[in-house]
Amino acid sequence: MKKIFKDLVFLIFGNLSFLFLNLLLKKDSIYVINYHATYPKYEKNFINQIKFYKKYFEIIDEKTLIDEHQSLKTNLKPRILITFDDGHITNFNLASKILDTFNIKASFFIPVNVICRKTEKTIPEENKVLLDKYNILSDVSEDNKNLFSRLTMTWENIIDLNNRGHFIGSHGSNHVRLSKELNDDQLDYEISKSKEIIEEKLKKKINSFCWIVGDKKSYTKKASEVIKKNSYKLSFTTCGKPFDKNQNLLQIHRFNVEDYFSISRISFIFSGIYELLYLKKRKFVNNITK
């Protein structure tokens, strides 16, 4: 019943938002969205989402966001940046292939030790390790259906993405909240060491860090200071607000979107309602990370 009600809300208000989207979208802002696993089951829907973005937005990359953030002007279309969290193998197998077809460069946030780990013998074992050890979700039925042997990318995959012009950022070492429970050494390991390893593998500097999990316990002042100390140029959260030229590049709030979301649902997300829903949390996060 709850799902039916949600679908009805997205259908009604999403379609209304869709009709007025050109009026609702802030044309002097950058909308940043994040995905997680992207399964072949939803490939056609994902392509429709990409076509939707291309119709209503100018799709940009991480470099453009850094270069132009202080000179954002009212544009014919607002800008949008696409990001992927957790390093799931489906991002490499499906999303990156489609993005390349549309000549779109995305950002992929990688939890280093998830990539460095050994592959488990079976898919259920892979699922269990990802969930129990790293708090990463993977759909076991879809994983079985697609005969995945490994559920996350390898360094070879990540280097390939980088060589094709996509952007790689850190999502910590162990994909854990940067909470008050972590001491200085643990924070340094999650934020500093992960950057060091990615840069060593790619043989280049990386610019971006993505906070993990995203509830209030995930954010601390101390972690924010370590991010600044390590010269990250960009820091991403998930607090539902378009980025504008008055914001700090270490306070980029994203909208969570998944490959199975309908266009009506995405229209609803961009309508301004999510900005209100996340207002209290966003103030809390901004205060900690300023």
Protein backbone atom coordinates (compact mmCIF):
# COMPACT_ATOMS: atom_id res chain seq x y z
CA MET A 1 0.00 0.00 0.00
CA LYS A 2 2.85 2.35 0.90
CA LYS A 3 4.58 1.69 -2.43
CA ILE A 4 1.36 2.32 -4.37
CA PHE A 5 0.91 5.66 -2.57
CA LYS A 6 4.53 6.68 -3.34
CA ASP A 7 4.15 5.72 -7.00
CA LEU A 8 0.93 7.75 -7.20
CA VAL A 9 2.63 10.81 -5.66
CA PHE A 10 5.53 10.56 -8.12
CA LEU A 11 3.15 10.07 -11.03
CA ILE A 12 0.90 13.04 -10.22
CA PHE A 13 3.42 15.56 -8.90
CA GLY A 14 6.24 14.24 -11.09
CA ASN A 15 4.18 14.77 -14.24
CA LEU A 16 3.20 18.26 -13.07
CA SER A 17 6.88 18.98 -12.43
CA PHE A 18 7.70 17.56 -15.86
CA LEU A 19 5.29 20.01 -17.51
CA PHE A 20 6.92 22.98 -15.79
CA LEU A 21 10.47 21.68 -15.57
CA ASN A 22 11.99 24.50 -17.62
CA LEU A 23 10.50 26.98 -15.15
CA LEU A 24 11.41 25.01 -12.03
CA LEU A 25 15.06 24.27 -12.79
CA LYS A 26 17.63 26.78 -11.66
CA LYS A 27 19.54 27.73 -14.77
CA ASP A 28 22.46 29.27 -12.89
CA SER A 29 23.09 26.08 -10.90
CA ILE A 30 24.60 22.61 -11.22
CA TYR A 31 22.51 19.59 -10.29
CA VAL A 32 24.66 16.69 -9.08
CA ILE A 33 23.14 13.19 -8.99
CA ASN A 34 24.44 9.88 -7.67
CA TYR A 35 23.70 6.27 -8.60
CA HIS A 36 24.63 2.97 -6.98
CA ALA A 37 24.42 -0.43 -8.75
CA THR A 38 23.15 -0.19 -12.37
CA TYR A 39 21.80 -3.53 -13.62
CA PRO A 40 21.19 -4.65 -17.24
CA LYS A 41 17.54 -5.18 -16.28
CA TYR A 42 17.11 -1.40 -16.26
CA GLU A 43 19.31 -0.55 -19.24
CA LYS A 44 16.45 0.87 -21.36
CA ASN A 45 15.20 2.93 -18.43
CA PHE A 46 18.71 4.24 -17.77
CA ILE A 47 19.04 5.28 -21.43
CA ASN A 48 15.71 7.12 -21.14
CA GLN A 49 17.06 8.90 -18.07
CA ILE A 50 20.16 9.96 -20.00
CA LYS A 51 17.98 11.28 -22.85
CA PHE A 52 15.94 13.18 -20.27
CA TYR A 53 19.10 14.78 -18.82
CA LYS A 54 20.32 15.73 -22.29
CA LYS A 55 16.98 17.37 -23.08
CA TYR A 56 16.73 19.52 -19.96
CA PHE A 57 20.38 19.95 -18.89
CA GLU A 58 23.86 20.60 -20.13
CA ILE A 59 25.78 17.54 -18.92
CA ILE A 60 29.19 18.52 -17.51
CA ASP A 61 32.11 16.77 -15.87
CA GLU A 62 34.15 17.24 -12.70
CA LYS A 63 36.76 19.47 -14.37
CA THR A 64 34.09 21.86 -15.67
CA LEU A 65 32.59 22.11 -12.19
CA ILE A 66 35.99 23.12 -10.76
CA ASP A 67 36.81 25.54 -13.58
CA GLU A 68 33.47 27.33 -13.84
CA HIS A 69 31.88 27.27 -10.38
CA GLN A 70 32.69 30.90 -9.57
CA SER A 71 31.45 32.20 -12.90
CA LEU A 72 28.15 30.36 -13.17
CA LYS A 73 25.70 32.45 -15.15
CA THR A 74 22.11 31.94 -16.17
CA ASN A 75 22.32 29.45 -19.00
CA LEU A 76 19.85 28.20 -21.58
CA LYS A 77 19.84 25.00 -19.55
CA PRO A 78 20.98 24.20 -16.01
CA ARG A 79 24.00 21.91 -15.75
CA ILE A 80 24.09 18.37 -14.40
CA LEU A 81 26.96 16.15 -13.19
CA ILE A 82 26.49 12.37 -12.95
CA THR A 83 28.27 10.35 -10.24
CA PHE A 84 28.35 6.69 -9.14
CA ASP A 85 29.09 5.41 -5.63
CA ASP A 86 30.64 2.16 -4.33
CA GLY A 87 32.49 0.78 -7.37
CA HIS A 88 29.90 -1.89 -8.26
CA ILE A 89 30.82 -3.94 -11.32
CA THR A 90 27.55 -2.98 -13.02
CA ASN A 91 28.73 0.63 -13.17
CA PHE A 92 31.62 -0.54 -15.35
CA ASN A 93 29.70 -3.13 -17.39
CA LEU A 94 26.60 -1.08 -18.11
CA ALA A 95 26.68 2.56 -17.11
CA SER A 96 30.12 3.40 -18.40
CA LYS A 97 29.32 1.73 -21.76
CA ILE A 98 26.16 3.81 -22.17
CA LEU A 99 27.85 6.98 -21.00
CA ASP A 100 30.59 6.51 -23.57
CA THR A 101 27.96 6.09 -26.30
CA PHE A 102 26.46 9.44 -25.30
CA ASN A 103 29.92 11.02 -24.84
CA ILE A 104 29.29 11.69 -21.14
CA LYS A 105 32.08 11.71 -18.57
CA ALA A 106 31.00 10.75 -15.05
CA SER A 107 32.65 10.54 -11.63
CA PHE A 108 33.09 7.16 -9.93
CA PHE A 109 33.69 7.10 -6.17
CA ILE A 110 35.75 4.11 -5.12
CA PRO A 111 36.07 2.47 -1.67
CA VAL A 112 39.70 1.38 -1.94
CA ASN A 113 39.71 -1.80 0.16
CA VAL A 114 36.58 -3.05 -1.60
CA ILE A 115 38.55 -2.89 -4.85
CA CYS A 116 41.70 -4.38 -3.30
CA ARG A 117 39.89 -7.37 -1.74
CA LYS A 118 40.09 -10.88 -3.14
CA THR A 119 37.11 -12.23 -5.07
CA GLU A 120 34.96 -14.68 -3.10
CA LYS A 121 34.19 -18.13 -4.52
CA THR A 122 30.43 -17.70 -4.98
CA ILE A 123 27.96 -14.86 -5.55
CA PRO A 124 26.25 -15.38 -2.15
CA GLU A 125 29.68 -15.10 -0.49
CA GLU A 126 30.40 -11.95 -2.50
CA ASN A 127 27.07 -10.48 -1.38
CA LYS A 128 27.70 -11.35 2.25
CA VAL A 129 31.17 -9.78 2.29
CA LEU A 130 29.97 -6.60 0.61
CA LEU A 131 27.06 -6.18 3.01
CA ASP A 132 28.58 -7.40 6.28
CA LYS A 133 32.09 -6.01 5.92
CA TYR A 134 31.60 -2.93 3.73
CA ASN A 135 27.91 -1.96 4.05
CA ILE A 136 27.41 -2.12 0.26
CA LEU A 137 24.15 -3.43 -1.21
CA SER A 138 24.04 -5.78 -4.18
CA ASP A 139 20.92 -7.54 -5.52
CA VAL A 140 21.74 -11.26 -5.26
CA SER A 141 18.95 -12.32 -7.64
CA GLU A 142 20.22 -9.93 -10.33
CA ASP A 143 23.82 -10.94 -9.62
CA ASN A 144 22.92 -14.60 -10.14
CA LYS A 145 20.88 -13.85 -13.25
CA ASN A 146 23.82 -11.99 -14.83
CA LEU A 147 26.38 -14.59 -13.75
CA PHE A 148 28.67 -12.04 -12.14
CA SER A 149 31.73 -13.68 -10.64
CA ARG A 150 32.83 -10.50 -8.87
CA LEU A 151 30.46 -7.79 -7.69
CA THR A 152 32.85 -4.83 -7.62
CA MET A 153 35.35 -3.40 -10.05
CA THR A 154 39.02 -4.33 -10.24
CA TRP A 155 41.87 -1.85 -10.53
CA GLU A 156 42.07 -2.75 -14.22
CA ASN A 157 38.44 -1.61 -14.62
CA ILE A 158 39.11 1.64 -12.78
CA ILE A 159 42.25 2.40 -14.77
CA ASP A 160 40.24 1.73 -17.94
CA LEU A 161 37.53 4.20 -16.85
CA ASN A 162 40.21 6.78 -16.11
CA ASN A 163 41.88 6.22 -19.50
CA ARG A 164 38.52 6.77 -21.22
CA GLY A 165 38.20 10.21 -19.64
CA HIS A 166 35.97 9.46 -16.64
CA PHE A 167 36.86 10.78 -13.19
CA ILE A 168 37.80 8.68 -10.17
CA GLY A 169 37.36 9.87 -6.60
CA SER A 170 37.77 8.44 -3.12
CA HIS A 171 34.88 6.87 -1.21
CA GLY A 172 37.08 6.03 1.77
CA SER A 173 39.13 2.91 2.35
CA ASN A 174 36.59 0.63 4.07
CA HIS A 175 33.32 2.39 3.15
CA VAL A 176 32.58 3.29 6.77
CA ARG A 177 30.93 6.36 8.26
CA LEU A 178 33.46 9.06 9.21
CA SER A 179 31.77 9.22 12.59
CA LYS A 180 32.93 10.28 16.05
CA GLU A 181 33.80 6.63 16.74
CA LEU A 182 36.82 6.87 14.42
CA ASN A 183 40.08 8.08 15.94
CA ASP A 184 42.64 10.29 14.16
CA ASP A 185 44.57 7.38 12.67
CA GLN A 186 41.39 5.76 11.34
CA LEU A 187 40.21 9.01 9.77
CA ASP A 188 43.61 9.48 8.18
CA TYR A 189 43.46 5.92 6.83
CA GLU A 190 39.99 6.42 5.35
CA ILE A 191 40.57 9.86 3.84
CA SER A 192 44.31 10.26 3.25
CA LYS A 193 45.42 6.70 2.53
CA SER A 194 42.59 6.07 0.08
CA LYS A 195 43.62 9.15 -1.92
CA GLU A 196 47.25 8.05 -1.87
CA ILE A 197 46.43 4.54 -3.17
CA ILE A 198 44.13 5.76 -5.96
CA GLU A 199 46.71 8.29 -7.10
CA GLU A 200 49.41 5.64 -7.04
CA LYS A 201 47.27 3.29 -9.18
CA LEU A 202 46.21 5.98 -11.66
CA LYS A 203 49.56 7.78 -11.63
CA LYS A 204 47.77 11.14 -11.35
CA LYS A 205 46.25 13.43 -8.74
CA ILE A 206 42.57 13.01 -7.88
CA ASN A 207 40.35 15.89 -6.81
CA SER A 208 37.24 14.46 -5.20
CA PHE A 209 36.06 12.78 -2.02
CA CYS A 210 32.57 11.42 -1.38
CA TRP A 211 31.24 11.10 2.18
CA ILE A 212 30.04 7.59 3.09
CA VAL A 213 26.47 6.46 3.98
CA GLY A 214 25.15 10.01 4.42
CA ASP A 215 23.10 10.03 7.63
CA LYS A 216 23.89 12.62 10.31
CA LYS A 217 26.32 10.27 12.09
CA SER A 218 28.38 10.17 8.89
CA TYR A 219 29.58 13.78 9.21
CA THR A 220 32.07 15.19 11.71
CA LYS A 221 34.09 18.38 11.92
CA LYS A 222 37.29 16.41 12.38
CA ALA A 223 36.72 14.41 9.18
CA SER A 224 35.98 17.63 7.32
CA GLU A 225 39.31 19.06 8.45
CA VAL A 226 41.17 15.94 7.24
CA ILE A 227 39.50 16.27 3.83
CA LYS A 228 40.69 19.89 3.59
CA LYS A 229 44.18 18.96 4.80
CA ASN A 230 44.53 16.44 1.97
CA SER A 231 43.89 19.08 -0.70
CA TYR A 232 40.72 17.56 -2.10
CA LYS A 233 39.15 20.17 -4.36
CA LEU A 234 35.66 18.64 -4.26
CA SER A 235 33.67 16.99 -1.48
CA PHE A 236 30.26 15.40 -2.16
CA THR A 237 27.35 14.71 0.20
CA THR A 238 23.76 13.65 -0.52
CA CYS A 239 21.63 16.49 0.84
CA GLY A 240 19.42 17.41 -2.11
CA LYS A 241 20.33 20.89 -3.36
CA PRO A 242 21.66 22.28 -6.66
CA PHE A 243 25.16 23.74 -6.45
CA ASP A 244 25.62 27.45 -7.15
CA LYS A 245 28.54 29.86 -7.32
CA ASN A 246 28.08 31.00 -3.73
CA GLN A 247 28.72 27.51 -2.36
CA ASN A 248 31.96 25.93 -1.23
CA LEU A 249 33.34 23.18 -3.49
CA LEU A 250 33.73 21.04 -0.36
CA GLN A 251 29.96 21.24 0.21
CA ILE A 252 28.44 19.79 -2.94
CA HIS A 253 25.01 18.31 -2.21
CA ARG A 254 23.73 15.61 -4.54
CA PHE A 255 20.33 14.14 -5.39
CA ASN A 256 20.13 10.35 -5.13
CA VAL A 257 18.75 8.76 -8.31
CA GLU A 258 18.73 5.06 -9.25
CA ASP A 259 18.57 3.37 -12.64
CA TYR A 260 15.02 2.09 -12.08
CA PHE A 261 13.51 5.51 -11.21
CA SER A 262 10.81 6.72 -13.56
CA ILE A 263 11.14 10.09 -15.32
CA SER A 264 8.16 11.27 -13.25
CA ARG A 265 10.04 10.40 -10.06
CA ILE A 266 13.19 12.21 -11.21
CA SER A 267 11.11 15.27 -12.14
CA PHE A 268 9.62 15.18 -8.65
CA ILE A 269 13.12 15.01 -7.11
CA PHE A 270 14.25 18.07 -9.12
CA SER A 271 11.05 20.05 -8.43
CA GLY A 272 12.38 21.78 -5.31
CA ILE A 273 10.52 19.56 -2.86
CA TYR A 274 13.67 17.59 -1.97
CA GLU A 275 15.46 20.84 -1.16
CA LEU A 276 12.81 21.47 1.50
CA LEU A 277 12.85 17.87 2.76
CA TYR A 278 16.63 17.97 3.25
CA LEU A 279 16.79 21.54 4.60
CA LYS A 280 17.37 20.63 8.27
CA LYS A 281 19.97 17.96 7.50
CA ARG A 282 21.71 20.23 4.99
CA LYS A 283 22.07 23.02 7.56
CA PHE A 284 23.55 20.53 9.99
CA VAL A 285 26.04 19.22 7.40
CA ASN A 286 26.97 22.70 6.18
CA ASN A 287 27.68 23.83 9.73
CA ILE A 288 29.99 20.86 10.31
CA THR A 289 31.83 21.10 7.00
CA LYS A 290 32.15 24.90 6.62
